[in-house]
Amino acid sequence: MPQVLRTETLTFMDTLVVLALRYELLVAPPGQRVIVEHDDIVAGMDPYRGRYATDDAGFRKRINASWEKMKKYSLVSPADTPG
């Protein structure tokens, strides 16, 4: 059984970002480097905004916080190549 190397509590938005990144890995050809732009992930989160979330700035702030968390945990890193 695989061991968990680290455990972190994820918010709902963190989970959505991880799933979006995982999807990008799944649709990429095997062995190919995957380049994902932050704005593409943000655009993909719009359906999860919810009917009561009318605050665009607050929603974007939560997505940005999740993106920064992904960078902190080395799930995303800067690329020299534009996406």
Protein backbone atom coordinates (compact mmCIF):
# COMPACT_ATOMS: atom_id res chain seq x y z
CA MET A 1 0.00 0.00 0.00
CA PRO A 2 1.41 3.45 -0.89
CA GLN A 3 2.37 5.66 2.01
CA VAL A 4 1.29 9.25 2.32
CA LEU A 5 4.39 11.39 2.43
CA ARG A 6 2.66 14.42 3.85
CA THR A 7 -0.81 15.32 4.90
CA GLU A 8 -2.32 18.75 4.55
CA THR A 9 -5.81 20.01 5.13
CA LEU A 10 -7.26 21.22 1.85
CA THR A 11 -10.09 23.66 1.40
CA PHE A 12 -12.81 23.04 -1.16
CA MET A 13 -11.03 25.43 -3.55
CA ASP A 14 -7.69 23.65 -2.97
CA THR A 15 -9.36 20.38 -3.91
CA LEU A 16 -10.80 21.90 -7.08
CA VAL A 17 -7.40 23.23 -8.12
CA VAL A 18 -5.74 19.86 -7.46
CA LEU A 19 -8.42 18.11 -9.52
CA ALA A 20 -8.01 20.63 -12.36
CA LEU A 21 -4.25 20.04 -12.35
CA ARG A 22 -4.76 16.28 -12.26
CA TYR A 23 -7.12 16.50 -15.24
CA GLU A 24 -4.48 18.38 -17.22
CA LEU A 25 -2.02 15.57 -16.47
CA LEU A 26 -4.52 12.93 -17.53
CA VAL A 27 -5.26 14.50 -20.93
CA ALA A 28 -1.60 15.14 -21.77
CA PRO A 29 0.32 12.60 -23.82
CA PRO A 30 2.30 10.22 -21.58
CA GLY A 31 5.75 11.49 -20.68
CA GLN A 32 5.10 15.00 -21.95
CA ARG A 33 5.67 18.02 -19.74
CA VAL A 34 2.40 19.75 -18.85
CA ILE A 35 2.25 23.54 -18.81
CA VAL A 36 -0.82 25.02 -17.17
CA GLU A 37 -1.54 28.72 -16.99
CA HIS A 38 -3.01 30.21 -13.86
CA ASP A 39 -5.70 32.00 -15.88
CA ASP A 40 -6.84 28.70 -17.39
CA ILE A 41 -7.32 27.23 -13.93
CA VAL A 42 -9.20 30.35 -12.83
CA ALA A 43 -11.51 30.09 -15.85
CA GLY A 44 -12.19 26.46 -15.03
CA MET A 45 -13.33 27.32 -11.51
CA ASP A 46 -16.23 29.53 -12.61
CA PRO A 47 -18.88 26.75 -12.46
CA TYR A 48 -18.03 26.26 -8.77
CA ARG A 49 -18.62 29.89 -7.85
CA GLY A 50 -22.05 29.07 -6.51
CA ARG A 51 -25.26 30.99 -6.86
CA TYR A 52 -24.60 33.09 -3.76
CA ALA A 53 -21.02 34.04 -4.57
CA THR A 54 -21.44 37.41 -6.23
CA ASP A 55 -18.11 38.77 -4.99
CA ASP A 56 -15.73 38.27 -7.93
CA ALA A 57 -12.75 39.66 -6.01
CA GLY A 58 -13.29 37.32 -3.06
CA PHE A 59 -13.69 34.32 -5.34
CA ARG A 60 -10.51 35.21 -7.22
CA LYS A 61 -8.71 35.71 -3.90
CA ARG A 62 -9.61 32.15 -2.81
CA ILE A 63 -8.39 30.73 -6.12
CA ASN A 64 -5.14 32.70 -5.84
CA ALA A 65 -4.61 31.46 -2.27
CA SER A 66 -5.07 27.88 -3.45
CA TRP A 67 -2.66 28.44 -6.35
CA GLU A 68 -0.05 29.79 -3.93
CA LYS A 69 -0.56 26.73 -1.74
CA MET A 70 0.06 24.49 -4.77
CA LYS A 71 3.33 26.37 -5.39
CA LYS A 72 4.29 26.01 -1.72
CA TYR A 73 3.75 22.24 -1.90
CA SER A 74 5.63 22.03 -5.23
CA LEU A 75 2.62 20.86 -7.22
CA VAL A 76 3.16 23.73 -9.66
CA SER A 77 6.29 25.62 -10.53
CA PRO A 78 7.25 28.41 -12.93
CA ALA A 79 8.13 27.41 -16.49
CA ASP A 80 10.52 29.12 -18.89
CA THR A 81 8.23 28.24 -21.79
CA PRO A 82 5.03 30.24 -22.26
CA GLY A 83 1.92 28.06 -22.08
